[in-house]
N, C-alpha and C. Protein backbone atom coordinates (compact mmCIF):
# COMPACT_ATOMS: atom_id res chain seq x y z
N MET A 1 0.84 -1.20 0.00
CA MET A 1 0.00 0.00 0.00
C MET A 1 0.87 1.25 0.00
N TYR A 2 0.50 2.20 -0.84
CA TYR A 2 1.22 3.46 -0.87
C TYR A 2 0.94 4.25 0.40
N PHE A 3 1.94 5.05 0.82
CA PHE A 3 1.75 5.85 2.02
C PHE A 3 0.55 6.78 1.89
N LYS A 4 0.31 7.30 0.69
CA LYS A 4 -0.79 8.25 0.51
C LYS A 4 -2.15 7.59 0.68
N ASP A 5 -2.19 6.26 0.61
CA ASP A 5 -3.45 5.53 0.75
C ASP A 5 -3.69 5.04 2.18
N LYS A 6 -2.77 5.29 3.07
CA LYS A 6 -2.92 4.88 4.46
C LYS A 6 -3.83 5.84 5.21
N SER A 7 -4.37 5.38 6.32
CA SER A 7 -5.17 6.27 7.17
C SER A 7 -4.24 7.28 7.83
N ILE A 8 -4.82 8.37 8.31
CA ILE A 8 -4.01 9.38 8.99
C ILE A 8 -3.30 8.77 10.19
N ASN A 9 -4.01 7.96 10.96
CA ASN A 9 -3.40 7.34 12.14
C ASN A 9 -2.23 6.44 11.77
N ASP A 10 -2.41 5.63 10.74
CA ASP A 10 -1.34 4.72 10.32
C ASP A 10 -0.12 5.50 9.82
N PHE A 11 -0.39 6.56 9.06
CA PHE A 11 0.72 7.37 8.55
C PHE A 11 1.49 8.02 9.69
N ILE A 12 0.77 8.59 10.65
CA ILE A 12 1.42 9.24 11.79
C ILE A 12 2.22 8.22 12.61
N ASP A 13 1.66 7.03 12.78
CA ASP A 13 2.38 5.98 13.51
C ASP A 13 3.69 5.64 12.81
N GLU A 14 3.66 5.51 11.50
CA GLU A 14 4.88 5.18 10.75
C GLU A 14 5.85 6.35 10.74
N LEU A 15 5.31 7.56 10.68
CA LEU A 15 6.16 8.75 10.69
C LEU A 15 6.92 8.86 12.01
N SER A 16 6.30 8.45 13.09
CA SER A 16 6.92 8.58 14.42
C SER A 16 7.74 7.35 14.81
N SER A 17 7.77 6.34 13.95
CA SER A 17 8.49 5.10 14.27
C SER A 17 9.99 5.25 14.04
N SER A 18 10.72 4.17 14.26
CA SER A 18 12.17 4.18 14.05
C SER A 18 12.55 4.06 12.58
N SER A 19 11.57 3.83 11.72
CA SER A 19 11.84 3.75 10.28
C SER A 19 12.10 5.14 9.72
N PRO A 20 13.14 5.30 8.89
CA PRO A 20 13.43 6.63 8.32
C PRO A 20 12.46 7.04 7.22
N VAL A 21 11.61 6.12 6.79
CA VAL A 21 10.62 6.40 5.74
C VAL A 21 9.23 6.01 6.26
N PRO A 22 8.27 6.92 6.22
CA PRO A 22 8.34 8.30 5.74
C PRO A 22 9.10 9.19 6.73
N GLY A 23 9.63 10.29 6.21
CA GLY A 23 10.36 11.23 7.05
C GLY A 23 9.95 12.65 6.75
N GLY A 24 10.92 13.55 6.83
CA GLY A 24 10.63 14.96 6.62
C GLY A 24 10.10 15.27 5.24
N GLY A 25 10.60 14.55 4.24
CA GLY A 25 10.11 14.77 2.88
C GLY A 25 8.65 14.39 2.73
N GLY A 26 8.27 13.27 3.34
CA GLY A 26 6.88 12.85 3.31
C GLY A 26 5.98 13.82 4.06
N ALA A 27 6.48 14.30 5.20
CA ALA A 27 5.71 15.28 5.97
C ALA A 27 5.52 16.57 5.18
N ALA A 28 6.56 16.98 4.46
CA ALA A 28 6.46 18.18 3.62
C ALA A 28 5.42 18.00 2.52
N ALA A 29 5.36 16.80 1.96
CA ALA A 29 4.38 16.52 0.91
C ALA A 29 2.96 16.58 1.47
N VAL A 30 2.77 16.04 2.66
CA VAL A 30 1.45 16.11 3.30
C VAL A 30 1.06 17.56 3.55
N SER A 31 2.00 18.34 4.04
CA SER A 31 1.74 19.76 4.29
C SER A 31 1.34 20.48 3.00
N ALA A 32 2.01 20.16 1.91
CA ALA A 32 1.69 20.76 0.61
C ALA A 32 0.28 20.40 0.18
N SER A 33 -0.08 19.13 0.35
CA SER A 33 -1.40 18.67 -0.05
C SER A 33 -2.49 19.28 0.83
N LEU A 34 -2.23 19.39 2.12
CA LEU A 34 -3.18 20.04 3.03
C LEU A 34 -3.38 21.50 2.63
N SER A 35 -2.30 22.13 2.22
CA SER A 35 -2.36 23.53 1.81
C SER A 35 -3.32 23.72 0.63
N THR A 36 -3.12 22.94 -0.42
CA THR A 36 -3.96 23.10 -1.61
C THR A 36 -5.39 22.62 -1.35
N ALA A 37 -5.55 21.62 -0.48
CA ALA A 37 -6.90 21.17 -0.13
C ALA A 37 -7.68 22.28 0.58
N LEU A 38 -7.00 23.00 1.46
CA LEU A 38 -7.66 24.11 2.15
C LEU A 38 -8.06 25.22 1.19
N SER A 39 -7.18 25.54 0.26
CA SER A 39 -7.53 26.56 -0.73
C SER A 39 -8.69 26.08 -1.60
N SER A 40 -8.71 24.79 -1.91
CA SER A 40 -9.83 24.23 -2.66
C SER A 40 -11.14 24.43 -1.90
N MET A 41 -11.10 24.22 -0.60
CA MET A 41 -12.28 24.43 0.22
C MET A 41 -12.75 25.87 0.16
N VAL A 42 -11.79 26.80 0.24
CA VAL A 42 -12.13 28.23 0.16
C VAL A 42 -12.82 28.53 -1.17
N PHE A 43 -12.26 28.01 -2.25
CA PHE A 43 -12.88 28.23 -3.57
C PHE A 43 -14.28 27.62 -3.64
N ASN A 44 -14.44 26.40 -3.12
CA ASN A 44 -15.73 25.73 -3.17
C ASN A 44 -16.80 26.45 -2.35
N LEU A 45 -16.37 27.17 -1.33
CA LEU A 45 -17.31 27.93 -0.50
C LEU A 45 -17.44 29.38 -0.97
N THR A 46 -16.88 29.65 -2.14
CA THR A 46 -16.90 31.01 -2.70
C THR A 46 -17.70 31.10 -3.99
N VAL A 47 -17.45 30.16 -4.90
CA VAL A 47 -17.94 30.32 -6.28
C VAL A 47 -19.46 30.23 -6.42
N ASN A 48 -20.15 29.68 -5.42
CA ASN A 48 -21.61 29.58 -5.51
C ASN A 48 -22.33 30.66 -4.70
N LYS A 49 -21.57 31.60 -4.18
CA LYS A 49 -22.16 32.68 -3.38
C LYS A 49 -22.58 33.85 -4.27
N LYS A 50 -23.57 34.60 -3.79
CA LYS A 50 -24.08 35.74 -4.57
C LYS A 50 -22.99 36.78 -4.83
N ALA A 51 -22.13 36.99 -3.85
CA ALA A 51 -21.09 38.01 -4.00
C ALA A 51 -20.17 37.69 -5.18
N PHE A 52 -19.94 36.40 -5.42
CA PHE A 52 -19.04 36.01 -6.50
C PHE A 52 -19.64 36.30 -7.87
N ALA A 53 -20.96 36.32 -7.95
CA ALA A 53 -21.63 36.55 -9.23
C ALA A 53 -21.35 37.95 -9.77
N SER A 54 -20.96 38.86 -8.89
CA SER A 54 -20.76 40.24 -9.31
C SER A 54 -19.36 40.52 -9.87
N VAL A 55 -18.45 39.57 -9.75
CA VAL A 55 -17.09 39.81 -10.25
C VAL A 55 -17.07 39.64 -11.76
N SER A 56 -16.07 40.22 -12.40
CA SER A 56 -15.98 40.18 -13.86
C SER A 56 -15.71 38.76 -14.37
N GLU A 57 -15.98 38.55 -15.65
CA GLU A 57 -15.75 37.24 -16.24
C GLU A 57 -14.27 36.87 -16.22
N ASN A 58 -13.42 37.85 -16.43
CA ASN A 58 -11.97 37.58 -16.36
C ASN A 58 -11.56 37.14 -14.97
N GLU A 59 -12.13 37.79 -13.96
CA GLU A 59 -11.82 37.41 -12.58
C GLU A 59 -12.35 36.01 -12.27
N LYS A 60 -13.53 35.71 -12.78
CA LYS A 60 -14.08 34.36 -12.58
C LYS A 60 -13.18 33.31 -13.22
N ASP A 61 -12.68 33.62 -14.41
CA ASP A 61 -11.77 32.69 -15.08
C ASP A 61 -10.52 32.46 -14.24
N THR A 62 -10.00 33.54 -13.65
CA THR A 62 -8.82 33.44 -12.79
C THR A 62 -9.10 32.54 -11.60
N VAL A 63 -10.27 32.72 -10.99
CA VAL A 63 -10.63 31.93 -9.81
C VAL A 63 -10.82 30.46 -10.17
N PHE A 64 -11.53 30.20 -11.25
CA PHE A 64 -11.78 28.80 -11.62
C PHE A 64 -10.50 28.09 -12.06
N THR A 65 -9.60 28.82 -12.70
CA THR A 65 -8.31 28.23 -13.06
C THR A 65 -7.52 27.87 -11.81
N ALA A 66 -7.50 28.78 -10.84
CA ALA A 66 -6.80 28.52 -9.58
C ALA A 66 -7.44 27.37 -8.83
N MET A 67 -8.75 27.35 -8.84
CA MET A 67 -9.51 26.29 -8.17
C MET A 67 -9.18 24.92 -8.76
N ASP A 68 -9.20 24.83 -10.09
CA ASP A 68 -8.89 23.56 -10.76
C ASP A 68 -7.46 23.11 -10.47
N ASN A 69 -6.54 24.05 -10.46
CA ASN A 69 -5.14 23.70 -10.22
C ASN A 69 -4.93 23.21 -8.80
N CYS A 70 -5.58 23.85 -7.84
CA CYS A 70 -5.45 23.41 -6.44
C CYS A 70 -5.99 22.00 -6.26
N LYS A 71 -7.10 21.71 -6.91
CA LYS A 71 -7.67 20.36 -6.82
C LYS A 71 -6.69 19.33 -7.39
N LYS A 72 -6.12 19.64 -8.55
CA LYS A 72 -5.16 18.73 -9.18
C LYS A 72 -3.92 18.55 -8.32
N LYS A 73 -3.40 19.65 -7.80
CA LYS A 73 -2.15 19.59 -7.04
C LYS A 73 -2.32 18.88 -5.70
N THR A 74 -3.52 18.89 -5.15
CA THR A 74 -3.74 18.18 -3.89
C THR A 74 -3.38 16.71 -4.03
N GLU A 75 -3.79 16.10 -5.13
CA GLU A 75 -3.45 14.70 -5.39
C GLU A 75 -1.99 14.56 -5.79
N ASP A 76 -1.52 15.46 -6.64
CA ASP A 76 -0.12 15.39 -7.09
C ASP A 76 0.85 15.44 -5.91
N PHE A 77 0.59 16.34 -4.98
CA PHE A 77 1.51 16.50 -3.85
C PHE A 77 1.50 15.28 -2.94
N LEU A 78 0.35 14.61 -2.81
CA LEU A 78 0.32 13.38 -2.01
C LEU A 78 1.25 12.33 -2.61
N ASN A 79 1.35 12.31 -3.93
CA ASN A 79 2.23 11.34 -4.58
C ASN A 79 3.70 11.55 -4.22
N PHE A 80 4.04 12.77 -3.79
CA PHE A 80 5.42 13.04 -3.40
C PHE A 80 5.81 12.31 -2.11
N ILE A 81 4.83 11.87 -1.33
CA ILE A 81 5.17 11.09 -0.13
C ILE A 81 5.95 9.85 -0.54
N ASP A 82 5.41 9.13 -1.51
CA ASP A 82 6.05 7.90 -1.95
C ASP A 82 7.26 8.17 -2.84
N LYS A 83 7.20 9.25 -3.64
CA LYS A 83 8.38 9.61 -4.44
C LYS A 83 9.58 9.85 -3.53
N ASP A 84 9.35 10.56 -2.44
CA ASP A 84 10.44 10.86 -1.51
C ASP A 84 10.94 9.59 -0.83
N GLY A 85 10.01 8.74 -0.40
CA GLY A 85 10.40 7.50 0.24
C GLY A 85 11.18 6.58 -0.68
N GLU A 86 10.75 6.51 -1.93
CA GLU A 86 11.44 5.67 -2.91
C GLU A 86 12.84 6.20 -3.20
N ALA A 87 12.97 7.52 -3.27
CA ALA A 87 14.29 8.12 -3.52
C ALA A 87 15.25 7.82 -2.37
N PHE A 88 14.74 7.94 -1.14
CA PHE A 88 15.58 7.67 0.03
C PHE A 88 15.98 6.19 0.08
N SER A 89 15.02 5.31 -0.15
CA SER A 89 15.30 3.87 -0.10
C SER A 89 16.32 3.47 -1.16
N SER A 90 16.21 4.07 -2.34
CA SER A 90 17.16 3.79 -3.42
C SER A 90 18.56 4.25 -3.04
N LEU A 91 18.65 5.40 -2.41
CA LEU A 91 19.95 5.91 -1.97
C LEU A 91 20.56 5.00 -0.92
N MET A 92 19.75 4.55 0.03
CA MET A 92 20.26 3.66 1.07
C MET A 92 20.74 2.33 0.48
N SER A 93 20.05 1.86 -0.55
CA SER A 93 20.48 0.63 -1.22
C SER A 93 21.83 0.82 -1.89
N ALA A 94 22.05 2.00 -2.43
CA ALA A 94 23.34 2.29 -3.07
C ALA A 94 24.47 2.26 -2.06
N TYR A 95 24.22 2.79 -0.87
CA TYR A 95 25.25 2.79 0.18
C TYR A 95 25.60 1.37 0.64
N LYS A 96 24.69 0.43 0.43
CA LYS A 96 24.91 -0.95 0.87
C LYS A 96 25.60 -1.81 -0.19
N LEU A 97 25.87 -1.25 -1.36
CA LEU A 97 26.53 -2.00 -2.42
C LEU A 97 27.96 -2.38 -2.00
N PRO A 98 28.46 -3.51 -2.51
CA PRO A 98 29.80 -3.96 -2.11
C PRO A 98 30.89 -2.99 -2.57
N LYS A 99 31.94 -2.94 -1.77
CA LYS A 99 33.08 -2.07 -2.09
C LYS A 99 34.40 -2.81 -1.90
N ASP A 100 34.34 -4.12 -2.18
CA ASP A 100 35.51 -4.97 -1.95
C ASP A 100 36.53 -4.90 -3.07
N THR A 101 36.12 -4.43 -4.26
CA THR A 101 37.07 -4.29 -5.36
C THR A 101 36.96 -2.87 -5.92
N GLU A 102 37.96 -2.49 -6.70
CA GLU A 102 37.93 -1.15 -7.29
C GLU A 102 36.73 -0.99 -8.22
N GLU A 103 36.41 -2.06 -8.94
CA GLU A 103 35.27 -2.01 -9.86
C GLU A 103 33.97 -1.83 -9.09
N ASN A 104 33.79 -2.62 -8.03
CA ASN A 104 32.58 -2.50 -7.21
C ASN A 104 32.51 -1.14 -6.53
N LEU A 105 33.66 -0.65 -6.13
CA LEU A 105 33.71 0.66 -5.47
C LEU A 105 33.26 1.76 -6.44
N ALA A 106 33.69 1.64 -7.69
CA ALA A 106 33.31 2.63 -8.70
C ALA A 106 31.81 2.57 -8.99
N VAL A 107 31.29 1.34 -9.09
CA VAL A 107 29.85 1.17 -9.32
C VAL A 107 29.05 1.74 -8.15
N ARG A 108 29.53 1.45 -6.94
CA ARG A 108 28.84 1.94 -5.74
C ARG A 108 28.81 3.46 -5.73
N GLU A 109 29.93 4.10 -6.02
CA GLU A 109 30.00 5.56 -5.99
C GLU A 109 29.08 6.17 -7.06
N GLU A 110 29.05 5.52 -8.22
CA GLU A 110 28.18 6.02 -9.29
C GLU A 110 26.71 5.94 -8.88
N GLN A 111 26.34 4.84 -8.23
CA GLN A 111 24.96 4.66 -7.79
C GLN A 111 24.61 5.62 -6.65
N ILE A 112 25.57 5.87 -5.79
CA ILE A 112 25.34 6.82 -4.69
C ILE A 112 25.09 8.21 -5.24
N GLN A 113 25.91 8.62 -6.20
CA GLN A 113 25.73 9.95 -6.79
C GLN A 113 24.38 10.07 -7.50
N ALA A 114 23.99 9.01 -8.19
CA ALA A 114 22.68 9.01 -8.86
C ALA A 114 21.56 9.08 -7.83
N GLY A 115 21.73 8.34 -6.73
CA GLY A 115 20.74 8.35 -5.66
C GLY A 115 20.62 9.70 -4.99
N LEU A 116 21.76 10.35 -4.77
CA LEU A 116 21.77 11.68 -4.16
C LEU A 116 21.07 12.69 -5.06
N GLN A 117 21.34 12.58 -6.36
CA GLN A 117 20.69 13.49 -7.32
C GLN A 117 19.18 13.35 -7.25
N ASN A 118 18.71 12.11 -7.24
CA ASN A 118 17.27 11.87 -7.20
C ASN A 118 16.66 12.32 -5.88
N ALA A 119 17.36 12.03 -4.78
CA ALA A 119 16.88 12.42 -3.46
C ALA A 119 16.85 13.93 -3.30
N MET A 120 17.67 14.63 -4.07
CA MET A 120 17.68 16.09 -4.06
C MET A 120 16.61 16.66 -4.98
N LEU A 121 16.42 16.03 -6.14
CA LEU A 121 15.49 16.57 -7.14
C LEU A 121 14.03 16.43 -6.73
N VAL A 122 13.70 15.39 -5.98
CA VAL A 122 12.30 15.20 -5.57
C VAL A 122 11.81 16.37 -4.72
N PRO A 123 12.48 16.71 -3.62
CA PRO A 123 12.01 17.87 -2.84
C PRO A 123 12.15 19.19 -3.58
N LEU A 124 13.15 19.29 -4.46
CA LEU A 124 13.29 20.52 -5.25
C LEU A 124 12.09 20.70 -6.18
N SER A 125 11.64 19.61 -6.76
CA SER A 125 10.45 19.67 -7.62
C SER A 125 9.22 20.07 -6.83
N LEU A 126 9.08 19.49 -5.64
CA LEU A 126 7.93 19.84 -4.79
C LEU A 126 7.94 21.32 -4.44
N ALA A 127 9.08 21.82 -4.02
CA ALA A 127 9.19 23.24 -3.65
C ALA A 127 8.90 24.14 -4.84
N THR A 128 9.44 23.78 -6.00
CA THR A 128 9.25 24.60 -7.20
C THR A 128 7.78 24.66 -7.61
N GLU A 129 7.13 23.51 -7.60
CA GLU A 129 5.71 23.46 -7.97
C GLU A 129 4.85 24.23 -6.96
N LEU A 130 5.20 24.10 -5.69
CA LEU A 130 4.37 24.72 -4.66
C LEU A 130 4.51 26.24 -4.64
N VAL A 131 5.68 26.74 -4.96
CA VAL A 131 5.83 28.20 -5.06
C VAL A 131 4.89 28.74 -6.13
N ASP A 132 4.80 28.03 -7.25
CA ASP A 132 3.87 28.45 -8.30
C ASP A 132 2.42 28.40 -7.82
N VAL A 133 2.09 27.38 -7.05
CA VAL A 133 0.72 27.22 -6.56
C VAL A 133 0.36 28.31 -5.54
N MET A 134 1.35 28.89 -4.89
CA MET A 134 1.05 29.96 -3.95
C MET A 134 0.37 31.14 -4.63
N GLU A 135 0.56 31.29 -5.93
CA GLU A 135 -0.18 32.31 -6.68
C GLU A 135 -1.68 31.98 -6.65
N ASN A 136 -2.02 30.70 -6.69
CA ASN A 136 -3.42 30.29 -6.58
C ASN A 136 -3.98 30.55 -5.19
N ILE A 137 -3.13 30.35 -4.19
CA ILE A 137 -3.55 30.63 -2.81
C ILE A 137 -3.80 32.13 -2.64
N LYS A 138 -2.98 32.93 -3.30
CA LYS A 138 -3.21 34.38 -3.27
C LYS A 138 -4.56 34.72 -3.89
N THR A 139 -4.91 34.03 -4.95
CA THR A 139 -6.22 34.23 -5.57
C THR A 139 -7.34 33.90 -4.59
N ALA A 140 -7.14 32.83 -3.81
CA ALA A 140 -8.13 32.47 -2.79
C ALA A 140 -8.25 33.56 -1.74
N ALA A 141 -7.13 34.17 -1.39
CA ALA A 141 -7.15 35.24 -0.40
C ALA A 141 -7.81 36.51 -0.94
N ILE A 142 -7.68 36.74 -2.24
CA ILE A 142 -8.27 37.94 -2.86
C ILE A 142 -9.78 37.79 -3.01
N TYR A 143 -10.22 36.65 -3.52
CA TYR A 143 -11.63 36.48 -3.88
C TYR A 143 -12.41 35.60 -2.91
N GLY A 144 -11.73 34.99 -1.96
CA GLY A 144 -12.37 34.01 -1.10
C GLY A 144 -13.47 34.57 -0.21
N ASN A 145 -14.43 33.72 0.07
CA ASN A 145 -15.50 34.00 1.02
C ASN A 145 -14.88 34.44 2.35
N THR A 146 -15.26 35.60 2.84
CA THR A 146 -14.63 36.14 4.06
C THR A 146 -14.88 35.26 5.28
N ASN A 147 -15.92 34.43 5.24
CA ASN A 147 -16.20 33.55 6.38
C ASN A 147 -15.15 32.45 6.53
N VAL A 148 -14.42 32.18 5.44
CA VAL A 148 -13.38 31.14 5.51
C VAL A 148 -12.03 31.70 5.07
N ILE A 149 -11.89 33.02 5.13
CA ILE A 149 -10.64 33.63 4.65
C ILE A 149 -9.45 33.22 5.50
N SER A 150 -9.68 32.90 6.78
CA SER A 150 -8.58 32.45 7.63
C SER A 150 -7.98 31.14 7.10
N ASP A 151 -8.81 30.34 6.43
CA ASP A 151 -8.32 29.08 5.87
C ASP A 151 -7.35 29.32 4.71
N ALA A 152 -7.55 30.41 3.99
CA ALA A 152 -6.58 30.78 2.95
C ALA A 152 -5.25 31.13 3.59
N GLY A 153 -5.31 31.76 4.77
CA GLY A 153 -4.08 32.07 5.50
C GLY A 153 -3.37 30.82 5.98
N VAL A 154 -4.14 29.88 6.52
CA VAL A 154 -3.55 28.61 6.96
C VAL A 154 -2.94 27.88 5.76
N SER A 155 -3.60 27.96 4.62
CA SER A 155 -3.09 27.35 3.40
C SER A 155 -1.72 27.92 3.03
N ALA A 156 -1.58 29.24 3.14
CA ALA A 156 -0.29 29.88 2.83
C ALA A 156 0.79 29.47 3.82
N ILE A 157 0.42 29.39 5.09
CA ILE A 157 1.38 29.00 6.13
C ILE A 157 1.88 27.57 5.90
N LEU A 158 0.94 26.67 5.60
CA LEU A 158 1.32 25.28 5.33
C LEU A 158 2.18 25.17 4.07
N ALA A 159 1.85 25.96 3.06
CA ALA A 159 2.64 25.94 1.83
C ALA A 159 4.07 26.39 2.09
N TYR A 160 4.21 27.47 2.82
CA TYR A 160 5.56 27.97 3.10
C TYR A 160 6.34 26.95 3.94
N ALA A 161 5.68 26.35 4.92
CA ALA A 161 6.34 25.33 5.74
C ALA A 161 6.83 24.17 4.88
N SER A 162 6.01 23.76 3.93
CA SER A 162 6.39 22.67 3.04
C SER A 162 7.57 23.05 2.15
N ILE A 163 7.55 24.28 1.65
CA ILE A 163 8.63 24.75 0.78
C ILE A 163 9.95 24.80 1.53
N GLU A 164 9.95 25.40 2.72
CA GLU A 164 11.19 25.48 3.49
C GLU A 164 11.67 24.09 3.90
N SER A 165 10.74 23.23 4.27
CA SER A 165 11.10 21.85 4.63
C SER A 165 11.73 21.13 3.44
N SER A 166 11.16 21.33 2.27
CA SER A 166 11.70 20.70 1.06
C SER A 166 13.09 21.21 0.74
N ILE A 167 13.30 22.51 0.91
CA ILE A 167 14.62 23.08 0.67
C ILE A 167 15.65 22.48 1.62
N LEU A 168 15.27 22.25 2.87
CA LEU A 168 16.17 21.59 3.82
C LEU A 168 16.59 20.22 3.29
N ASN A 169 15.62 19.49 2.73
CA ASN A 169 15.92 18.16 2.20
C ASN A 169 16.76 18.22 0.93
N VAL A 170 16.64 19.29 0.19
CA VAL A 170 17.55 19.50 -0.95
C VAL A 170 18.97 19.69 -0.45
N MET A 171 19.12 20.58 0.52
CA MET A 171 20.45 20.96 1.00
C MET A 171 21.19 19.80 1.67
N VAL A 172 20.46 18.96 2.38
CA VAL A 172 21.12 17.87 3.11
C VAL A 172 21.71 16.85 2.14
N ASN A 173 21.14 16.74 0.95
CA ASN A 173 21.69 15.84 -0.07
C ASN A 173 22.71 16.55 -0.96
N LEU A 174 22.48 17.84 -1.17
CA LEU A 174 23.32 18.59 -2.10
C LEU A 174 24.78 18.62 -1.67
N LYS A 175 25.03 18.65 -0.36
CA LYS A 175 26.41 18.78 0.11
C LYS A 175 27.27 17.56 -0.22
N PHE A 176 26.63 16.44 -0.56
CA PHE A 176 27.38 15.23 -0.90
C PHE A 176 27.47 15.01 -2.41
N ILE A 177 26.82 15.86 -3.18
CA ILE A 177 26.79 15.67 -4.63
C ILE A 177 28.03 16.28 -5.28
N GLU A 178 28.66 15.50 -6.12
CA GLU A 178 29.86 15.96 -6.83
C GLU A 178 29.43 16.47 -8.21
N SER A 179 29.19 17.76 -8.29
CA SER A 179 28.71 18.35 -9.54
C SER A 179 29.05 19.83 -9.58
N ASN A 180 29.19 20.36 -10.77
CA ASN A 180 29.44 21.79 -10.93
C ASN A 180 28.16 22.61 -10.79
N ASP A 181 27.03 21.92 -10.69
CA ASP A 181 25.74 22.62 -10.65
C ASP A 181 25.29 22.96 -9.23
N THR A 182 26.03 22.54 -8.22
CA THR A 182 25.54 22.69 -6.85
C THR A 182 25.35 24.15 -6.45
N ASN A 183 26.26 25.02 -6.87
CA ASN A 183 26.11 26.44 -6.52
C ASN A 183 24.86 27.04 -7.15
N GLN A 184 24.58 26.64 -8.38
CA GLN A 184 23.37 27.14 -9.06
C GLN A 184 22.12 26.65 -8.35
N ILE A 185 22.15 25.40 -7.91
CA ILE A 185 20.99 24.85 -7.20
C ILE A 185 20.77 25.58 -5.88
N LYS A 186 21.86 25.91 -5.19
CA LYS A 186 21.74 26.68 -3.95
C LYS A 186 21.09 28.04 -4.23
N GLU A 187 21.51 28.68 -5.31
CA GLU A 187 20.92 29.96 -5.69
C GLU A 187 19.44 29.80 -6.01
N ASP A 188 19.10 28.73 -6.71
CA ASP A 188 17.70 28.47 -7.04
C ASP A 188 16.87 28.28 -5.77
N CYS A 189 17.44 27.57 -4.81
CA CYS A 189 16.74 27.35 -3.55
C CYS A 189 16.52 28.66 -2.80
N ASN A 190 17.53 29.50 -2.77
CA ASN A 190 17.39 30.80 -2.12
C ASN A 190 16.32 31.65 -2.82
N ASP A 191 16.28 31.57 -4.14
CA ASP A 191 15.27 32.32 -4.90
C ASP A 191 13.86 31.80 -4.59
N LEU A 192 13.72 30.48 -4.49
CA LEU A 192 12.43 29.90 -4.16
C LEU A 192 11.96 30.34 -2.79
N LEU A 193 12.86 30.30 -1.81
CA LEU A 193 12.50 30.71 -0.46
C LEU A 193 12.12 32.19 -0.41
N LYS A 194 12.86 32.99 -1.14
CA LYS A 194 12.57 34.43 -1.17
C LYS A 194 11.20 34.69 -1.78
N LYS A 195 10.92 34.05 -2.91
CA LYS A 195 9.64 34.25 -3.57
C LYS A 195 8.49 33.74 -2.70
N ALA A 196 8.70 32.59 -2.06
CA ALA A 196 7.67 32.02 -1.20
C ALA A 196 7.38 32.94 -0.01
N ALA A 197 8.44 33.50 0.57
CA ALA A 197 8.27 34.41 1.71
C ALA A 197 7.51 35.66 1.29
N GLU A 198 7.82 36.17 0.11
CA GLU A 198 7.13 37.37 -0.38
C GLU A 198 5.65 37.08 -0.63
N LEU A 199 5.36 35.93 -1.23
CA LEU A 199 3.98 35.56 -1.48
C LEU A 199 3.21 35.34 -0.18
N LYS A 200 3.86 34.68 0.76
CA LYS A 200 3.21 34.45 2.06
C LYS A 200 2.88 35.78 2.73
N LYS A 201 3.79 36.73 2.66
CA LYS A 201 3.56 38.05 3.26
C LYS A 201 2.36 38.74 2.61
N VAL A 202 2.30 38.69 1.29
CA VAL A 202 1.18 39.31 0.57
C VAL A 202 -0.14 38.63 0.95
N ILE A 203 -0.13 37.31 0.96
CA ILE A 203 -1.35 36.56 1.28
C ILE A 203 -1.82 36.85 2.70
N MET A 204 -0.89 36.82 3.65
CA MET A 204 -1.28 37.04 5.04
C MET A 204 -1.78 38.47 5.26
N THR A 205 -1.23 39.43 4.53
CA THR A 205 -1.72 40.81 4.62
C THR A 205 -3.17 40.87 4.13
N LEU A 206 -3.44 40.22 3.00
CA LEU A 206 -4.81 40.17 2.48
C LEU A 206 -5.76 39.52 3.47
N VAL A 207 -5.31 38.44 4.08
CA VAL A 207 -6.15 37.70 5.03
C VAL A 207 -6.45 38.54 6.27
N TYR A 208 -5.41 39.12 6.87
CA TYR A 208 -5.61 39.89 8.10
C TYR A 208 -6.48 41.12 7.86
N GLU A 209 -6.42 41.68 6.66
CA GLU A 209 -7.26 42.84 6.35
C GLU A 209 -8.74 42.48 6.32
N LYS A 210 -9.03 41.19 6.11
CA LYS A 210 -10.43 40.76 6.00
C LYS A 210 -10.96 40.12 7.27
N LEU A 211 -10.11 39.98 8.27
CA LEU A 211 -10.55 39.37 9.53
C LEU A 211 -11.31 40.37 10.40
């Protein structure tokens, strides 16, 4: 059974166990999915209200596009729980490869580097996608039903937590990767965090103004 198909209780039990999978990457994926699910709720409690009927057609298109994307991403982000676990397990398998000969040692090192790359790229992909989705959360904060506007704020908080958590998981693998691209990836991570922080600030300002 995939982690995303487990009950909340079972997932929490496994998360708190001595097993390294699921770990921080899986928790970040859950946080991302909770974030978009909350924004989906805000949209669903907005689009059928009388107040929404008065907005322009272009604004409605913006809202429905954001709504559809949040619904899609809620499922997509849950899949990152298992993507992260599979990447970690593959990396651990590489570390267990034999190193008794020079040939085996070379194969082991090659597999470790490939595993590190994958373990780094999974959380980087999650963070990158989620920063883009924060624009949809901003849309929820702008047009959302004021009775549930606090949920748009919680959505932004969860999104930012997931992004920063994912960046941590990028960095912990990046330091072991032998590549000329590591400095660029660090810059990309800093840019993602900066953009996410700016979006969170904008969203929370919108939310607090409506409370």
